[in-house]
Amino acid sequence: MSPARPQSTGTTGARTVARRSDARRNHDRVIAAAAEVFAERGLDGTIPEIAARAGVGKATVYRSYPTKDDLVAAVARDRLTWLADRVGAAGRRDDAYAALHDLLGDISAGLATDRLLADVLPHATRWRQEHDLDGQFDRLIERARNQGRIRPDATARDIRILVGGYSRVLTDLGVRDPAQWRRYASLTLHALRADGRPDD
């Protein structure tokens, strides 16, 4: 006769549920803290800073994210998903220029307050390809040209270079006010308008 299996008690089950609940809360705190630290410091943020802000030990962070790159990827995924959703919504609007104006303003405001987005976006080539992000942006520019709203020689590359330029300068100056970043986004697009009139 086989030996009787030990019976699991209600107390043991309750302890297991409690441990899982604690682990979930710790994980959520780590992600929230990482989002804050990376937004403030970009890729210069460190695991010890994140652990301290989350109120957990470094080992707790490394248990879920063995390397800093793993944690960066987890936080950046949320940022890039927001960007993909925003580009997709802009592409569905009838007025391509208005959509482009609002899109650049929103992206610039995001860059103003989130250094991680600024750090990872230029290097997320594979992710952008998988989500056809550059293709969607190119098609939005083409529609704005076809609607006669921006110069016929304006390209997506022109806008990327101009946005990259003021982003670098504002970052170096420590400007974090989204309104100022939105202003430069508007000025950039205005420079490419077909009629040369200021934006409404």
Protein backbone atom coordinates (compact mmCIF):
# COMPACT_ATOMS: atom_id res chain seq x y z
CA MET A 1 0.00 0.00 0.00
CA SER A 2 1.42 3.35 -1.00
CA PRO A 3 2.06 5.83 1.78
CA ALA A 4 -0.59 8.44 2.33
CA ARG A 5 0.16 11.77 0.73
CA PRO A 6 0.45 14.70 3.09
CA GLN A 7 -2.66 16.74 3.17
CA SER A 8 -2.27 20.42 2.25
CA THR A 9 -3.79 22.55 4.90
CA GLY A 10 -5.80 25.69 4.50
CA THR A 11 -3.03 27.56 6.32
CA THR A 12 -0.42 26.46 3.79
CA GLY A 13 -2.67 27.49 0.92
CA ALA A 14 -3.28 30.87 2.50
CA ARG A 15 0.47 31.42 2.91
CA THR A 16 1.04 30.55 -0.76
CA VAL A 17 -1.64 32.99 -1.89
CA ALA A 18 -0.18 35.68 0.39
CA ARG A 19 3.31 35.14 -1.05
CA ARG A 20 2.01 35.40 -4.58
CA SER A 21 0.09 38.54 -3.69
CA ASP A 22 3.20 40.09 -2.13
CA ALA A 23 5.26 39.16 -5.19
CA ARG A 24 2.67 40.77 -7.46
CA ARG A 25 2.65 43.96 -5.40
CA ASN A 26 6.46 44.07 -5.38
CA HIS A 27 6.54 43.57 -9.13
CA ASP A 28 4.04 46.39 -9.66
CA ARG A 29 6.07 48.68 -7.39
CA VAL A 30 9.26 47.86 -9.31
CA ILE A 31 7.65 48.66 -12.67
CA ALA A 32 6.14 51.90 -11.35
CA ALA A 33 9.45 52.95 -9.82
CA ALA A 34 11.36 52.03 -12.99
CA ALA A 35 8.95 54.10 -15.08
CA GLU A 36 9.56 57.11 -12.84
CA VAL A 37 13.35 56.75 -12.67
CA PHE A 38 13.79 56.12 -16.39
CA ALA A 39 11.46 59.01 -17.23
CA GLU A 40 13.60 61.32 -15.10
CA ARG A 41 17.06 59.99 -15.96
CA GLY A 42 16.67 57.93 -19.11
CA LEU A 43 19.10 55.07 -19.47
CA ASP A 44 21.28 56.62 -16.74
CA GLY A 45 18.79 55.32 -14.17
CA THR A 46 20.16 52.44 -12.10
CA ILE A 47 18.75 49.31 -10.51
CA PRO A 48 19.71 50.48 -6.97
CA GLU A 49 17.76 53.72 -7.53
CA ILE A 50 14.75 51.80 -8.77
CA ALA A 51 14.87 49.30 -5.89
CA ALA A 52 15.12 52.11 -3.35
CA ARG A 53 12.20 53.98 -4.83
CA ALA A 54 10.12 50.81 -4.97
CA GLY A 55 10.97 50.02 -1.35
CA VAL A 56 12.39 46.60 -2.19
CA GLY A 57 15.84 45.02 -2.28
CA LYS A 58 17.90 44.77 -5.44
CA ALA A 59 17.44 41.00 -5.39
CA THR A 60 13.69 41.48 -5.78
CA VAL A 61 14.27 43.49 -8.95
CA TYR A 62 16.75 41.00 -10.37
CA ARG A 63 14.39 38.11 -9.65
CA SER A 64 12.03 39.34 -12.37
CA TYR A 65 14.56 41.23 -14.49
CA PRO A 66 18.00 39.57 -14.54
CA THR A 67 19.57 42.56 -16.32
CA LYS A 68 18.92 46.27 -16.52
CA ASP A 69 18.21 45.85 -20.24
CA ASP A 70 15.36 43.48 -19.39
CA LEU A 71 13.78 46.11 -17.15
CA VAL A 72 14.34 48.87 -19.72
CA ALA A 73 12.63 46.73 -22.36
CA ALA A 74 9.62 46.11 -20.11
CA VAL A 75 9.12 49.82 -19.43
CA ALA A 76 9.95 50.94 -22.96
CA ARG A 77 7.39 48.52 -24.42
CA ASP A 78 4.61 50.51 -22.80
CA ARG A 79 6.00 53.79 -24.16
CA LEU A 80 6.38 52.44 -27.68
CA THR A 81 2.89 50.93 -27.62
CA TRP A 82 1.51 54.36 -26.75
CA LEU A 83 3.43 55.83 -29.68
CA ALA A 84 2.18 53.18 -32.12
CA ASP A 85 -1.42 53.78 -31.01
CA ARG A 86 -0.96 57.54 -31.44
CA VAL A 87 0.52 57.21 -34.95
CA GLY A 88 -2.24 54.79 -35.94
CA ALA A 89 -4.95 57.20 -34.75
CA ALA A 90 -3.33 60.09 -36.66
CA GLY A 91 -3.32 58.01 -39.84
CA ARG A 92 -7.09 57.50 -39.61
CA ARG A 93 -7.92 61.22 -39.56
CA ASP A 94 -9.15 62.89 -42.76
CA ASP A 95 -7.11 66.10 -42.36
CA ALA A 96 -3.54 64.84 -42.61
CA TYR A 97 -1.95 68.18 -41.69
CA ALA A 98 -4.04 68.60 -38.53
CA ALA A 99 -3.28 64.98 -37.61
CA LEU A 100 0.43 65.55 -38.18
CA HIS A 101 0.39 68.77 -36.16
CA ASP A 102 -1.28 67.11 -33.18
CA LEU A 103 0.89 63.99 -33.47
CA LEU A 104 4.16 65.91 -33.41
CA GLY A 105 2.89 67.99 -30.50
CA ASP A 106 1.97 64.89 -28.50
CA ILE A 107 5.26 63.14 -29.26
CA SER A 108 7.21 66.25 -28.31
CA ALA A 109 5.29 66.63 -25.06
CA GLY A 110 6.08 63.00 -24.31
CA LEU A 111 9.77 63.54 -25.01
CA ALA A 112 9.76 66.56 -22.70
CA THR A 113 8.77 64.53 -19.65
CA ASP A 114 10.09 61.07 -20.50
CA ARG A 115 13.79 60.71 -21.13
CA LEU A 116 13.47 56.98 -21.68
CA LEU A 117 11.30 57.55 -24.74
CA ALA A 118 13.92 59.92 -26.12
CA ASP A 119 16.70 57.42 -25.40
CA VAL A 120 15.11 54.28 -26.83
CA LEU A 121 13.06 55.57 -29.77
CA PRO A 122 15.97 56.23 -32.16
CA HIS A 123 17.36 52.73 -31.51
CA ALA A 124 14.09 50.77 -31.60
CA THR A 125 14.56 49.99 -35.29
CA ARG A 126 13.30 46.41 -35.13
CA TRP A 127 10.25 47.36 -33.08
CA ARG A 128 9.41 50.19 -35.48
CA GLN A 129 9.66 47.80 -38.40
CA GLU A 130 7.43 45.21 -36.75
CA HIS A 131 4.73 47.84 -36.17
CA ASP A 132 5.28 49.62 -39.52
CA LEU A 133 5.71 52.83 -37.53
CA ASP A 134 7.94 54.53 -40.08
CA GLY A 135 5.69 53.41 -42.92
CA GLN A 136 2.59 54.85 -41.24
CA PHE A 137 4.39 58.12 -40.62
CA ASP A 138 5.62 58.28 -44.23
CA ARG A 139 2.09 57.74 -45.52
CA LEU A 140 0.75 60.50 -43.27
CA ILE A 141 3.34 62.92 -44.70
CA GLU A 142 2.44 61.83 -48.24
CA ARG A 143 -1.26 62.50 -47.61
CA ALA A 144 -0.45 65.96 -46.19
CA ARG A 145 1.54 66.69 -49.37
CA ASN A 146 -1.24 65.40 -51.62
CA GLN A 147 -3.76 67.58 -49.77
CA GLY A 148 -1.57 70.59 -50.54
CA ARG A 149 -0.92 71.37 -46.88
CA ILE A 150 2.87 70.97 -46.78
CA ARG A 151 5.57 71.65 -49.33
CA PRO A 152 5.70 69.14 -52.19
CA ASP A 153 9.38 68.48 -51.46
CA ALA A 154 8.87 67.89 -47.71
CA THR A 155 9.74 64.39 -46.54
CA ALA A 156 9.39 62.32 -43.39
CA ARG A 157 13.16 62.47 -43.06
CA ASP A 158 13.03 66.28 -43.02
CA ILE A 159 10.65 66.19 -40.09
CA ARG A 160 12.65 63.55 -38.21
CA ILE A 161 15.82 65.63 -38.57
CA LEU A 162 14.13 68.86 -37.46
CA VAL A 163 12.40 67.20 -34.50
CA GLY A 164 15.65 65.46 -33.55
CA GLY A 165 17.43 68.81 -33.65
CA TYR A 166 15.18 70.72 -31.27
CA SER A 167 14.81 67.64 -29.06
CA ARG A 168 18.57 67.47 -28.55
CA VAL A 169 18.87 71.19 -27.82
CA LEU A 170 15.93 71.32 -25.41
CA THR A 171 17.21 68.23 -23.63
CA ASP A 172 20.69 69.73 -23.28
CA LEU A 173 19.12 72.93 -21.92
CA GLY A 174 17.12 70.94 -19.38
CA VAL A 175 13.77 72.20 -20.69
CA ARG A 176 11.03 69.90 -19.40
CA ASP A 177 7.96 72.08 -20.03
CA PRO A 178 5.74 70.22 -22.54
CA ALA A 179 4.25 73.51 -23.76
CA GLN A 180 7.66 74.70 -24.94
CA TRP A 181 8.30 71.42 -26.73
CA ARG A 182 4.89 71.64 -28.40
CA ARG A 183 5.75 75.16 -29.56
CA TYR A 184 8.85 73.95 -31.37
CA ALA A 185 6.90 71.10 -32.93
CA SER A 186 4.43 73.64 -34.29
CA LEU A 187 7.20 75.92 -35.56
CA THR A 188 8.86 72.97 -37.28
CA LEU A 189 5.71 71.97 -39.12
CA HIS A 190 4.91 75.58 -39.97
CA ALA A 191 8.27 75.84 -41.73
CA LEU A 192 7.11 73.09 -44.09
CA ARG A 193 3.63 74.49 -44.82
CA ALA A 194 2.80 74.95 -48.47
CA ASP A 195 1.06 78.32 -47.93
CA GLY A 196 3.45 79.70 -45.30
CA ARG A 197 0.57 80.74 -43.01
CA PRO A 198 0.89 80.25 -39.22
CA ASP A 199 -1.00 77.41 -37.63
CA ASP A 200 -4.35 78.15 -36.05
